[in-house]
Amino acid sequence: MIHLEKIDYRNVWDIVDLKVARSQKEFVAGNGDSIIQAYATIGTECQAFPFGIYNDNKPVGFLMIGYNEAVLYDVEDFEPPEALKNSYSIWRLMIDRRYQGRGYGKEAIGLALDFIRTWPCGKAEYCEISYEPENEAARKLYRSLGFKENGEMDGDEIVAVLKL
């Protein structure tokens, strides 16, 4: 049974050790880097919620939810996508190379949306997700869950949103 567990001292190294296939490395940040990024949001107006994705007791992936990521864009001459302002996002999603193709990613996003709809940072209209244009698997997955491209880009990534 797929479920999410918050990342803490008991499971952090199990999650850091998960890896995507070599051909996917360009599409997703390393889990260790993402966990560091999550904790670097402390004291900002952005919130991050890093989770391990588990099949029963076995870690199979990593997922991170964000809220109000737009405040982290402190780059001159770069306006963050509107979809990141006061909205939730699926900031990271990865399934370990050994467990791909089993529907775990789709189930994990469903669980993430359930968590988001508890409104841990207050109500919001949208959930955002972004992906590399070349990542057809991600595009297909997100579309199957109801995410729609809104015409915005997050750097080089396509932005898609889901009305909550």
Protein backbone atom coordinates (compact mmCIF):
# COMPACT_ATOMS: atom_id res chain seq x y z
CA MET A 1 0.00 0.00 0.00
CA ILE A 2 1.42 3.36 -1.04
CA HIS A 3 1.63 6.05 1.63
CA LEU A 4 3.65 9.19 2.40
CA GLU A 5 5.91 9.62 5.41
CA LYS A 6 7.42 12.90 6.53
CA ILE A 7 11.19 12.98 6.21
CA ASP A 8 12.98 12.94 9.55
CA TYR A 9 16.15 11.57 11.13
CA ARG A 10 14.84 7.99 10.91
CA ASN A 11 14.33 7.86 7.14
CA VAL A 12 16.33 10.68 5.58
CA TRP A 13 19.24 8.50 4.39
CA ASP A 14 16.91 5.87 2.92
CA ILE A 15 15.29 8.61 0.82
CA VAL A 16 18.60 10.27 -0.13
CA ASP A 17 19.85 6.90 -1.43
CA LEU A 18 16.97 6.50 -3.93
CA LYS A 19 17.97 7.17 -7.55
CA VAL A 20 16.25 7.63 -10.89
CA ALA A 21 17.47 5.94 -14.06
CA ARG A 22 20.53 7.51 -15.67
CA SER A 23 18.38 8.77 -18.59
CA GLN A 24 16.15 10.68 -16.13
CA LYS A 25 18.82 12.50 -14.12
CA GLU A 26 18.39 15.69 -16.16
CA PHE A 27 14.70 15.84 -15.23
CA VAL A 28 14.85 15.77 -11.43
CA ALA A 29 17.06 17.18 -8.68
CA GLY A 30 18.75 14.78 -6.27
CA ASN A 31 16.77 13.98 -3.15
CA GLY A 32 19.51 15.24 -0.83
CA ASP A 33 19.59 18.60 -2.62
CA SER A 34 15.79 18.81 -2.44
CA ILE A 35 15.70 18.05 1.29
CA ILE A 36 18.30 20.75 1.90
CA GLN A 37 16.20 23.14 -0.16
CA ALA A 38 13.13 22.25 1.91
CA TYR A 39 14.81 23.08 5.17
CA ALA A 40 16.31 26.25 3.71
CA THR A 41 12.76 27.62 3.40
CA ILE A 42 12.47 27.83 7.20
CA GLY A 43 12.02 31.48 8.13
CA THR A 44 10.65 32.46 4.72
CA GLU A 45 7.08 32.90 3.53
CA CYS A 46 7.47 29.64 1.61
CA GLN A 47 6.66 26.28 3.17
CA ALA A 48 8.07 22.94 2.05
CA PHE A 49 6.81 19.48 2.95
CA PRO A 50 9.25 16.69 2.02
CA PHE A 51 7.89 13.15 2.08
CA GLY A 52 9.18 9.67 1.42
CA ILE A 53 6.92 7.58 -0.78
CA TYR A 54 6.53 4.10 0.69
CA ASN A 55 5.09 0.83 -0.52
CA ASP A 56 4.23 -0.75 2.83
CA ASN A 57 7.55 -0.31 4.73
CA LYS A 58 9.82 0.01 1.69
CA PRO A 59 10.88 3.48 0.47
CA VAL A 60 10.22 3.73 -3.27
CA GLY A 61 10.34 7.47 -3.96
CA PHE A 62 10.41 11.08 -2.87
CA LEU A 63 7.82 13.82 -3.11
CA MET A 64 7.97 17.43 -1.96
CA ILE A 65 5.04 19.79 -1.72
CA GLY A 66 5.60 23.53 -1.65
CA TYR A 67 3.50 26.55 -0.84
CA ASN A 68 4.18 30.08 -2.11
CA GLU A 69 7.43 29.18 -3.86
CA ALA A 70 7.37 32.53 -5.66
CA VAL A 71 8.98 34.22 -2.64
CA LEU A 72 12.15 32.21 -3.26
CA TYR A 73 12.72 33.86 -6.64
CA ASP A 74 15.08 36.66 -5.75
CA VAL A 75 16.63 36.98 -9.18
CA GLU A 76 16.91 40.31 -10.88
CA ASP A 77 14.88 40.59 -14.10
CA PHE A 78 13.07 37.29 -13.50
CA GLU A 79 9.41 37.22 -12.59
CA PRO A 80 8.24 33.92 -11.08
CA PRO A 81 5.22 32.24 -12.65
CA GLU A 82 1.91 33.53 -11.28
CA ALA A 83 1.02 29.91 -10.55
CA LEU A 84 3.64 29.89 -7.73
CA LYS A 85 2.19 32.87 -5.86
CA ASN A 86 0.15 31.84 -2.81
CA SER A 87 -0.45 28.43 -4.36
CA TYR A 88 0.57 24.87 -3.61
CA SER A 89 2.93 22.96 -5.85
CA ILE A 90 4.23 19.48 -6.37
CA TRP A 91 7.79 20.71 -6.09
CA ARG A 92 9.49 17.34 -6.56
CA LEU A 93 8.45 13.85 -7.55
CA MET A 94 10.72 10.89 -8.14
CA ILE A 95 10.31 7.15 -8.09
CA ASP A 96 13.44 5.04 -7.66
CA ARG A 97 14.57 3.31 -10.85
CA ARG A 98 13.81 -0.12 -9.32
CA TYR A 99 10.14 0.71 -8.72
CA GLN A 100 9.07 2.63 -11.81
CA GLY A 101 6.20 1.58 -14.02
CA ARG A 102 4.02 0.36 -11.15
CA GLY A 103 1.74 3.40 -10.76
CA TYR A 104 3.46 4.64 -7.60
CA GLY A 105 3.97 8.17 -8.98
CA LYS A 106 0.30 8.56 -9.85
CA GLU A 107 -0.77 7.25 -6.44
CA ALA A 108 1.71 9.53 -4.68
CA ILE A 109 0.40 12.62 -6.46
CA GLY A 110 -3.12 11.62 -5.41
CA LEU A 111 -1.94 11.41 -1.81
CA ALA A 112 -0.14 14.75 -2.18
CA LEU A 113 -3.37 16.35 -3.40
CA ASP A 114 -5.22 14.84 -0.43
CA PHE A 115 -2.61 16.42 1.88
CA ILE A 116 -2.83 19.77 0.09
CA ARG A 117 -6.62 19.76 0.48
CA THR A 118 -6.15 19.74 4.26
CA TRP A 119 -4.93 23.31 3.61
CA PRO A 120 -1.81 23.22 5.84
CA CYS A 121 -0.90 26.76 4.74
CA GLY A 122 -4.44 28.01 4.11
CA LYS A 123 -6.75 27.70 1.14
CA ALA A 124 -5.49 28.21 -2.39
CA GLU A 125 -7.11 28.02 -5.79
CA TYR A 126 -4.45 26.00 -7.61
CA CYS A 127 -1.76 23.37 -7.34
CA GLU A 128 1.15 23.86 -9.75
CA ILE A 129 3.61 21.42 -11.21
CA SER A 130 6.37 21.99 -13.76
CA TYR A 131 8.43 19.73 -15.97
CA GLU A 132 11.04 19.74 -18.70
CA PRO A 133 9.51 19.96 -22.20
CA GLU A 134 11.35 16.76 -23.22
CA ASN A 135 9.85 14.77 -20.33
CA GLU A 136 6.89 13.19 -22.14
CA ALA A 137 6.29 10.67 -19.36
CA ALA A 138 5.75 13.52 -16.87
CA ARG A 139 3.51 15.43 -19.27
CA LYS A 140 1.33 12.35 -19.82
CA LEU A 141 1.13 11.55 -16.10
CA TYR A 142 0.21 15.09 -15.06
CA ARG A 143 -2.39 15.45 -17.81
CA SER A 144 -3.99 12.15 -16.72
CA LEU A 145 -4.42 13.68 -13.25
CA GLY A 146 -6.11 16.84 -14.58
CA PHE A 147 -3.17 19.25 -14.67
CA LYS A 148 -3.41 21.70 -17.57
CA GLU A 149 -0.57 23.72 -19.06
CA ASN A 150 -1.27 27.40 -18.47
CA GLY A 151 1.22 28.94 -20.91
CA GLU A 152 3.72 29.95 -18.22
CA MET A 153 7.30 28.75 -17.94
CA ASP A 154 9.32 28.26 -14.78
CA GLY A 155 12.75 28.86 -16.22
CA ASP A 156 13.02 26.16 -18.87
CA GLU A 157 10.12 24.12 -17.47
CA ILE A 158 6.49 24.02 -18.59
CA VAL A 159 3.98 24.99 -15.90
CA ALA A 160 0.72 23.07 -15.49
CA VAL A 161 -1.98 23.75 -12.90
CA LEU A 162 -4.84 21.89 -11.30
CA LYS A 163 -7.80 23.77 -9.85
CA LEU A 164 -8.24 22.71 -6.23
